[in-house]
Amino acid sequence: MRYGTFMYHQIRSLVDPLTFTFIFLGLSLAYAWWKMKGVRGRLVPVVLAFALAWLACTSAVGYLAAGMLEWMYPPALELTEQAEVIVVLSGGVDPPDDYLPQTRPTPATLRRCRKAAQLYHQRPMPIIVSGGKVDKSSAGETHAELMRALLIELGVADDDILAESGSIDTYENASQTKVLLEERGFEQAVLVTDAVHLYRAHLCFQAHGVDVIPIGAHY
């Protein structure tokens, strides 16, 4: 069974368009290098660009790139005593279409809401869901409205959920969430988003003078 699974993944990777393209380009460059000795000097930049592109697609480089953003925020399973409110950033939604007429959370939004609910059930406190519509003309609910409904399904009390439905990116998440925090006198917020997104989100909140405790929902 393990051998069959291994072979399946190997064959699938070989027929992947990106893999096929890299193999074709690599063979073409090797052939040109072998046959066209007089222009090898001009081929060097192309070969280097190909090598760098190949490296960028390897799992090792992807691991390091993600790690540089995630390792500064170790996984946290519990809330600190200072936490007063949980802020959850949207990870996007899938809009209605001809097959599914309702707005649906993306996997990133699901992960973040589940992490927020897990923290909430340790010690109930207000949760701010942050996210509007990137495309104002799109049909369906805002990200925050969808996240509210999802959190209620996960056992969070409706009265404990505050919605910020006007932001369209991380910077606006921070600026508009700050207004809610100040209106209600919250000083210490827990910021929940994917770990790879925490560094950028943390910087955005810091830029608006908001003190947050970053917690990754996915690594």
C-alpha atoms as a PDB file:
ATOM      1  CA  MET A   1       0.000   0.000   0.000  1.00  0.00           C
ATOM      2  CA  ARG A   2       2.785   2.449   0.871  1.00  0.00           C
ATOM      3  CA  TYR A   3       4.620   1.673  -2.378  1.00  0.00           C
ATOM      4  CA  GLY A   4       1.418   2.208  -4.354  1.00  0.00           C
ATOM      5  CA  THR A   5       0.815   5.555  -2.639  1.00  0.00           C
ATOM      6  CA  PHE A   6       4.413   6.602  -3.290  1.00  0.00           C
ATOM      7  CA  MET A   7       4.145   5.709  -6.992  1.00  0.00           C
ATOM      8  CA  TYR A   8       0.814   7.521  -7.277  1.00  0.00           C
ATOM      9  CA  HIS A   9       2.310  10.752  -5.923  1.00  0.00           C
ATOM     10  CA  GLN A  10       5.391  10.409  -8.166  1.00  0.00           C
ATOM     11  CA  ILE A  11       3.313   9.892 -11.302  1.00  0.00           C
ATOM     12  CA  ARG A  12       0.970  12.722 -10.371  1.00  0.00           C
ATOM     13  CA  SER A  13       3.918  15.096  -9.873  1.00  0.00           C
ATOM     14  CA  LEU A  14       5.374  14.132 -13.266  1.00  0.00           C
ATOM     15  CA  VAL A  15       2.169  14.920 -15.148  1.00  0.00           C
ATOM     16  CA  ASP A  16       1.719  18.213 -13.299  1.00  0.00           C
ATOM     17  CA  PRO A  17       1.990  21.054 -15.870  1.00  0.00           C
ATOM     18  CA  LEU A  18       4.599  22.926 -13.826  1.00  0.00           C
ATOM     19  CA  THR A  19       6.794  19.830 -13.431  1.00  0.00           C
ATOM     20  CA  PHE A  20       6.456  18.994 -17.128  1.00  0.00           C
ATOM     21  CA  THR A  21       7.373  22.566 -18.088  1.00  0.00           C
ATOM     22  CA  PHE A  22      10.490  22.523 -15.905  1.00  0.00           C
ATOM     23  CA  ILE A  23      11.597  19.178 -17.342  1.00  0.00           C
ATOM     24  CA  PHE A  24      11.067  20.440 -20.894  1.00  0.00           C
ATOM     25  CA  LEU A  25      12.952  23.692 -20.236  1.00  0.00           C
ATOM     26  CA  GLY A  26      15.768  21.860 -18.471  1.00  0.00           C
ATOM     27  CA  LEU A  27      16.230  19.422 -21.348  1.00  0.00           C
ATOM     28  CA  SER A  28      16.088  22.260 -23.873  1.00  0.00           C
ATOM     29  CA  LEU A  29      18.773  24.229 -22.021  1.00  0.00           C
ATOM     30  CA  ALA A  30      20.958  21.137 -21.690  1.00  0.00           C
ATOM     31  CA  TYR A  31      20.638  20.444 -25.409  1.00  0.00           C
ATOM     32  CA  ALA A  32      21.448  24.087 -26.297  1.00  0.00           C
ATOM     33  CA  TRP A  33      24.459  24.045 -23.945  1.00  0.00           C
ATOM     34  CA  TRP A  34      25.725  20.851 -25.571  1.00  0.00           C
ATOM     35  CA  LYS A  35      25.118  21.778 -29.218  1.00  0.00           C
ATOM     36  CA  MET A  36      25.738  25.533 -29.212  1.00  0.00           C
ATOM     37  CA  LYS A  37      29.178  25.824 -27.603  1.00  0.00           C
ATOM     38  CA  GLY A  38      29.790  29.216 -29.168  1.00  0.00           C
ATOM     39  CA  VAL A  39      26.926  30.897 -27.307  1.00  0.00           C
ATOM     40  CA  ARG A  40      27.353  29.333 -23.869  1.00  0.00           C
ATOM     41  CA  GLY A  41      28.310  32.705 -22.405  1.00  0.00           C
ATOM     42  CA  ARG A  42      24.937  34.116 -23.437  1.00  0.00           C
ATOM     43  CA  LEU A  43      23.140  31.076 -22.016  1.00  0.00           C
ATOM     44  CA  VAL A  44      24.571  31.554 -18.520  1.00  0.00           C
ATOM     45  CA  PRO A  45      21.930  34.121 -17.378  1.00  0.00           C
ATOM     46  CA  VAL A  46      19.144  31.868 -18.673  1.00  0.00           C
ATOM     47  CA  VAL A  47      20.586  28.809 -16.927  1.00  0.00           C
ATOM     48  CA  LEU A  48      20.949  30.750 -13.660  1.00  0.00           C
ATOM     49  CA  ALA A  49      17.378  32.042 -13.909  1.00  0.00           C
ATOM     50  CA  PHE A  50      16.147  28.493 -14.532  1.00  0.00           C
ATOM     51  CA  ALA A  51      18.120  27.162 -11.552  1.00  0.00           C
ATOM     52  CA  LEU A  52      16.763  29.880  -9.240  1.00  0.00           C
ATOM     53  CA  ALA A  53      13.188  29.262 -10.429  1.00  0.00           C
ATOM     54  CA  TRP A  54      13.614  25.530  -9.826  1.00  0.00           C
ATOM     55  CA  LEU A  55      14.999  26.130  -6.333  1.00  0.00           C
ATOM     56  CA  ALA A  56      12.098  28.462  -5.511  1.00  0.00           C
ATOM     57  CA  CYS A  57       9.673  25.621  -6.305  1.00  0.00           C
ATOM     58  CA  THR A  58      11.311  23.052  -4.026  1.00  0.00           C
ATOM     59  CA  SER A  59       9.759  22.075  -0.716  1.00  0.00           C
ATOM     60  CA  ALA A  60      12.983  22.915   1.155  1.00  0.00           C
ATOM     61  CA  VAL A  61      12.908  26.553   0.048  1.00  0.00           C
ATOM     62  CA  GLY A  62       9.168  26.732   0.744  1.00  0.00           C
ATOM     63  CA  TYR A  63       9.753  25.353   4.230  1.00  0.00           C
ATOM     64  CA  LEU A  64      12.426  27.969   4.966  1.00  0.00           C
ATOM     65  CA  ALA A  65      10.369  30.814   3.506  1.00  0.00           C
ATOM     66  CA  ALA A  66       7.324  29.917   5.607  1.00  0.00           C
ATOM     67  CA  GLY A  67       9.488  29.233   8.639  1.00  0.00           C
ATOM     68  CA  MET A  68      11.048  32.694   8.544  1.00  0.00           C
ATOM     69  CA  LEU A  69       7.546  34.094   9.051  1.00  0.00           C
ATOM     70  CA  GLU A  70       6.208  31.447  11.455  1.00  0.00           C
ATOM     71  CA  TRP A  71       9.078  30.552  13.795  1.00  0.00           C
ATOM     72  CA  MET A  72       8.950  33.880  15.616  1.00  0.00           C
ATOM     73  CA  TYR A  73       5.406  32.990  16.746  1.00  0.00           C
ATOM     74  CA  PRO A  74       5.467  29.562  18.450  1.00  0.00           C
ATOM     75  CA  PRO A  75       2.103  27.740  18.679  1.00  0.00           C
ATOM     76  CA  ALA A  76      -0.011  28.832  21.649  1.00  0.00           C
ATOM     77  CA  LEU A  77      -2.684  26.595  23.118  1.00  0.00           C
ATOM     78  CA  GLU A  78      -3.906  28.804  25.958  1.00  0.00           C
ATOM     79  CA  LEU A  79      -4.867  32.406  26.529  1.00  0.00           C
ATOM     80  CA  THR A  80      -2.757  34.628  28.743  1.00  0.00           C
ATOM     81  CA  GLU A  81      -4.304  36.270  31.802  1.00  0.00           C
ATOM     82  CA  GLN A  82      -3.952  39.704  30.162  1.00  0.00           C
ATOM     83  CA  ALA A  83      -6.181  38.849  27.191  1.00  0.00           C
ATOM     84  CA  GLU A  84      -9.454  40.813  27.094  1.00  0.00           C
ATOM     85  CA  VAL A  85     -10.741  40.230  23.572  1.00  0.00           C
ATOM     86  CA  ILE A  86     -10.032  37.942  20.614  1.00  0.00           C
ATOM     87  CA  VAL A  87      -9.616  39.469  17.148  1.00  0.00           C
ATOM     88  CA  VAL A  88     -10.032  37.087  14.198  1.00  0.00           C
ATOM     89  CA  LEU A  89      -9.028  38.159  10.677  1.00  0.00           C
ATOM     90  CA  SER A  90     -10.857  36.811   7.652  1.00  0.00           C
ATOM     91  CA  GLY A  91      -8.997  34.451   5.344  1.00  0.00           C
ATOM     92  CA  GLY A  92     -11.400  35.020   2.470  1.00  0.00           C
ATOM     93  CA  VAL A  93     -14.713  33.642   1.262  1.00  0.00           C
ATOM     94  CA  ASP A  94     -15.959  31.848  -1.829  1.00  0.00           C
ATOM     95  CA  PRO A  95     -18.825  33.859  -3.345  1.00  0.00           C
ATOM     96  CA  PRO A  96     -22.129  32.341  -4.493  1.00  0.00           C
ATOM     97  CA  ASP A  97     -22.159  30.679  -7.911  1.00  0.00           C
ATOM     98  CA  ASP A  98     -24.496  28.677 -10.120  1.00  0.00           C
ATOM     99  CA  TYR A  99     -23.840  25.474  -8.168  1.00  0.00           C
ATOM    100  CA  LEU A 100     -23.725  26.770  -4.575  1.00  0.00           C
ATOM    101  CA  PRO A 101     -25.922  29.853  -4.077  1.00  0.00           C
ATOM    102  CA  GLN A 102     -24.529  30.784  -0.647  1.00  0.00           C
ATOM    103  CA  THR A 103     -21.294  32.474   0.420  1.00  0.00           C
ATOM    104  CA  ARG A 104     -18.807  29.983   1.884  1.00  0.00           C
ATOM    105  CA  PRO A 105     -15.726  30.427   4.098  1.00  0.00           C
ATOM    106  CA  THR A 106     -12.375  29.429   2.642  1.00  0.00           C
ATOM    107  CA  PRO A 107     -10.242  26.865   4.517  1.00  0.00           C
ATOM    108  CA  ALA A 108      -8.173  29.729   5.987  1.00  0.00           C
ATOM    109  CA  THR A 109     -11.276  31.408   7.437  1.00  0.00           C
ATOM    110  CA  LEU A 110     -12.463  28.083   8.853  1.00  0.00           C
ATOM    111  CA  ARG A 111      -9.118  27.461  10.563  1.00  0.00           C
ATOM    112  CA  ARG A 112      -9.048  30.905  12.126  1.00  0.00           C
ATOM    113  CA  CYS A 113     -12.616  30.710  13.424  1.00  0.00           C
ATOM    114  CA  ARG A 114     -12.006  27.258  14.880  1.00  0.00           C
ATOM    115  CA  LYS A 115      -8.914  28.514  16.698  1.00  0.00           C
ATOM    116  CA  ALA A 116     -10.818  31.506  18.040  1.00  0.00           C
ATOM    117  CA  ALA A 117     -13.647  29.249  19.251  1.00  0.00           C
ATOM    118  CA  GLN A 118     -11.128  26.947  20.927  1.00  0.00           C
ATOM    119  CA  LEU A 119      -9.636  29.884  22.817  1.00  0.00           C
ATOM    120  CA  TYR A 120     -13.083  31.248  23.639  1.00  0.00           C
ATOM    121  CA  HIS A 121     -14.193  27.983  25.239  1.00  0.00           C
ATOM    122  CA  GLN A 122     -11.149  28.103  27.528  1.00  0.00           C
ATOM    123  CA  ARG A 123     -12.226  31.480  28.861  1.00  0.00           C
ATOM    124  CA  PRO A 124     -15.258  33.195  27.282  1.00  0.00           C
ATOM    125  CA  MET A 125     -14.597  36.775  26.181  1.00  0.00           C
ATOM    126  CA  PRO A 126     -15.676  39.059  23.327  1.00  0.00           C
ATOM    127  CA  ILE A 127     -14.577  38.109  19.813  1.00  0.00           C
ATOM    128  CA  ILE A 128     -14.165  40.664  17.034  1.00  0.00           C
ATOM    129  CA  VAL A 129     -14.497  39.219  13.527  1.00  0.00           C
ATOM    130  CA  SER A 130     -12.852  41.467  10.942  1.00  0.00           C
ATOM    131  CA  GLY A 131     -13.460  41.474   7.202  1.00  0.00           C
ATOM    132  CA  GLY A 132     -15.695  43.224   4.687  1.00  0.00           C
ATOM    133  CA  LYS A 133     -16.112  42.657   0.964  1.00  0.00           C
ATOM    134  CA  VAL A 134     -13.059  42.983  -1.249  1.00  0.00           C
ATOM    135  CA  ASP A 135     -15.431  43.355  -4.199  1.00  0.00           C
ATOM    136  CA  LYS A 136     -18.196  45.664  -3.013  1.00  0.00           C
ATOM    137  CA  SER A 137     -20.448  44.611  -5.893  1.00  0.00           C
ATOM    138  CA  SER A 138     -20.277  40.886  -5.103  1.00  0.00           C
ATOM    139  CA  ALA A 139     -23.375  39.137  -3.829  1.00  0.00           C
ATOM    140  CA  GLY A 140     -23.691  37.445  -0.466  1.00  0.00           C
ATOM    141  CA  GLU A 141     -22.635  38.247   3.069  1.00  0.00           C
ATOM    142  CA  THR A 142     -19.577  40.137   4.225  1.00  0.00           C
ATOM    143  CA  HIS A 143     -16.678  38.102   5.578  1.00  0.00           C
ATOM    144  CA  ALA A 144     -17.455  39.226   9.133  1.00  0.00           C
ATOM    145  CA  GLU A 145     -21.118  38.228   8.888  1.00  0.00           C
ATOM    146  CA  LEU A 146     -20.168  34.793   7.640  1.00  0.00           C
ATOM    147  CA  MET A 147     -17.587  34.418  10.415  1.00  0.00           C
ATOM    148  CA  ARG A 148     -20.180  35.401  13.033  1.00  0.00           C
ATOM    149  CA  ALA A 149     -22.514  32.635  11.825  1.00  0.00           C
ATOM    150  CA  LEU A 150     -19.652  30.146  11.827  1.00  0.00           C
ATOM    151  CA  LEU A 151     -18.598  31.036  15.379  1.00  0.00           C
ATOM    152  CA  ILE A 152     -22.169  30.656  16.600  1.00  0.00           C
ATOM    153  CA  GLU A 153     -22.203  27.146  15.095  1.00  0.00           C
ATOM    154  CA  LEU A 154     -18.988  26.499  17.041  1.00  0.00           C
ATOM    155  CA  GLY A 155     -20.666  27.381  20.322  1.00  0.00           C
ATOM    156  CA  VAL A 156     -19.766  31.057  20.733  1.00  0.00           C
ATOM    157  CA  ALA A 157     -22.565  33.197  22.174  1.00  0.00           C
ATOM    158  CA  ASP A 158     -23.976  35.695  19.685  1.00  0.00           C
ATOM    159  CA  ASP A 159     -23.793  38.489  22.261  1.00  0.00           C
ATOM    160  CA  ASP A 160     -20.024  37.942  22.559  1.00  0.00           C
ATOM    161  CA  ILE A 161     -19.358  38.539  18.833  1.00  0.00           C
ATOM    162  CA  LEU A 162     -18.602  41.985  17.417  1.00  0.00           C
ATOM    163  CA  ALA A 163     -18.415  42.414  13.637  1.00  0.00           C
ATOM    164  CA  GLU A 164     -16.135  44.775  11.736  1.00  0.00           C
ATOM    165  CA  SER A 165     -17.468  44.582   8.176  1.00  0.00           C
ATOM    166  CA  GLY A 166     -15.785  47.500   6.416  1.00  0.00           C
ATOM    167  CA  SER A 167     -12.165  46.440   5.873  1.00  0.00           C
ATOM    168  CA  ILE A 168     -10.815  44.990   2.624  1.00  0.00           C
ATOM    169  CA  ASP A 169      -7.217  44.184   3.598  1.00  0.00           C
ATOM    170  CA  THR A 170      -4.990  43.573   6.625  1.00  0.00           C
ATOM    171  CA  TYR A 171      -4.108  47.238   7.098  1.00  0.00           C
ATOM    172  CA  GLU A 172      -7.794  48.175   7.220  1.00  0.00           C
ATOM    173  CA  ASN A 173      -8.472  45.192   9.511  1.00  0.00           C
ATOM    174  CA  ALA A 174      -6.152  46.894  11.994  1.00  0.00           C
ATOM    175  CA  SER A 175      -7.408  50.458  11.577  1.00  0.00           C
ATOM    176  CA  GLN A 176     -11.099  49.598  11.800  1.00  0.00           C
ATOM    177  CA  THR A 177     -10.694  47.046  14.582  1.00  0.00           C
ATOM    178  CA  LYS A 178      -8.874  49.712  16.589  1.00  0.00           C
ATOM    179  CA  VAL A 179     -12.060  51.801  16.584  1.00  0.00           C
ATOM    180  CA  LEU A 180     -14.059  48.942  18.131  1.00  0.00           C
ATOM    181  CA  LEU A 181     -11.346  48.270  20.706  1.00  0.00           C
ATOM    182  CA  GLU A 182     -11.245  51.904  21.799  1.00  0.00           C
ATOM    183  CA  GLU A 183     -15.045  52.243  21.925  1.00  0.00           C
ATOM    184  CA  ARG A 184     -15.238  49.345  24.380  1.00  0.00           C
ATOM    185  CA  GLY A 185     -12.089  50.124  26.330  1.00  0.00           C
ATOM    186  CA  PHE A 186     -10.162  46.957  25.437  1.00  0.00           C
ATOM    187  CA  GLU A 187      -6.413  47.294  25.910  1.00  0.00           C
ATOM    188  CA  GLN A 188      -5.054  43.774  25.293  1.00  0.00           C
ATOM    189  CA  ALA A 189      -6.256  41.816  22.275  1.00  0.00           C
ATOM    190  CA  VAL A 190      -5.401  38.348  21.019  1.00  0.00           C
ATOM    191  CA  LEU A 191      -4.808  38.371  17.266  1.00  0.00           C
ATOM    192  CA  VAL A 192      -5.764  35.143  15.469  1.00  0.00           C
ATOM    193  CA  THR A 193      -4.741  34.443  11.885  1.00  0.00           C
ATOM    194  CA  ASP A 194      -2.616  31.917  10.012  1.00  0.00           C
ATOM    195  CA  ALA A 195       0.943  31.814  11.352  1.00  0.00           C
ATOM    196  CA  VAL A 196       2.443  32.722   7.982  1.00  0.00           C
ATOM    197  CA  HIS A 197       0.259  35.867   8.029  1.00  0.00           C
ATOM    198  CA  LEU A 198       0.966  36.843  11.650  1.00  0.00           C
ATOM    199  CA  TYR A 199       4.102  38.934  11.030  1.00  0.00           C
ATOM    200  CA  ARG A 200       2.410  41.228   8.508  1.00  0.00           C
ATOM    201  CA  ALA A 201      -0.785  41.432  10.565  1.00  0.00           C
ATOM    202  CA  HIS A 202       1.173  42.142  13.756  1.00  0.00           C
ATOM    203  CA  LEU A 203       3.026  44.999  12.031  1.00  0.00           C
ATOM    204  CA  CYS A 204      -0.255  46.489  10.792  1.00  0.00           C
ATOM    205  CA  PHE A 205      -1.764  46.493  14.280  1.00  0.00           C
ATOM    206  CA  GLN A 206       1.434  47.923  15.775  1.00  0.00           C
ATOM    207  CA  ALA A 207       1.346  50.702  13.166  1.00  0.00           C
ATOM    208  CA  HIS A 208      -2.052  51.714  14.579  1.00  0.00           C
ATOM    209  CA  GLY A 209      -0.868  51.551  18.173  1.00  0.00           C
ATOM    210  CA  VAL A 210      -2.786  48.369  19.020  1.00  0.00           C
ATOM    211  CA  ASP A 211      -1.094  45.967  21.433  1.00  0.00           C
ATOM    212  CA  VAL A 212      -1.851  42.370  20.414  1.00  0.00           C
ATOM    213  CA  ILE A 213      -0.867  38.851  21.448  1.00  0.00           C
ATOM    214  CA  PRO A 214      -0.321  36.982  18.136  1.00  0.00           C
ATOM    215  CA  ILE A 215      -1.622  33.397  17.988  1.00  0.00           C
ATOM    216  CA  GLY A 216      -1.327  31.278  14.861  1.00  0.00           C
ATOM    217  CA  ALA A 217      -4.324  29.263  13.684  1.00  0.00           C
ATOM    218  CA  HIS A 218      -2.334  27.134  11.247  1.00  0.00           C
ATOM    219  CA  TYR A 219       1.348  26.276  10.741  1.00  0.00           C
END
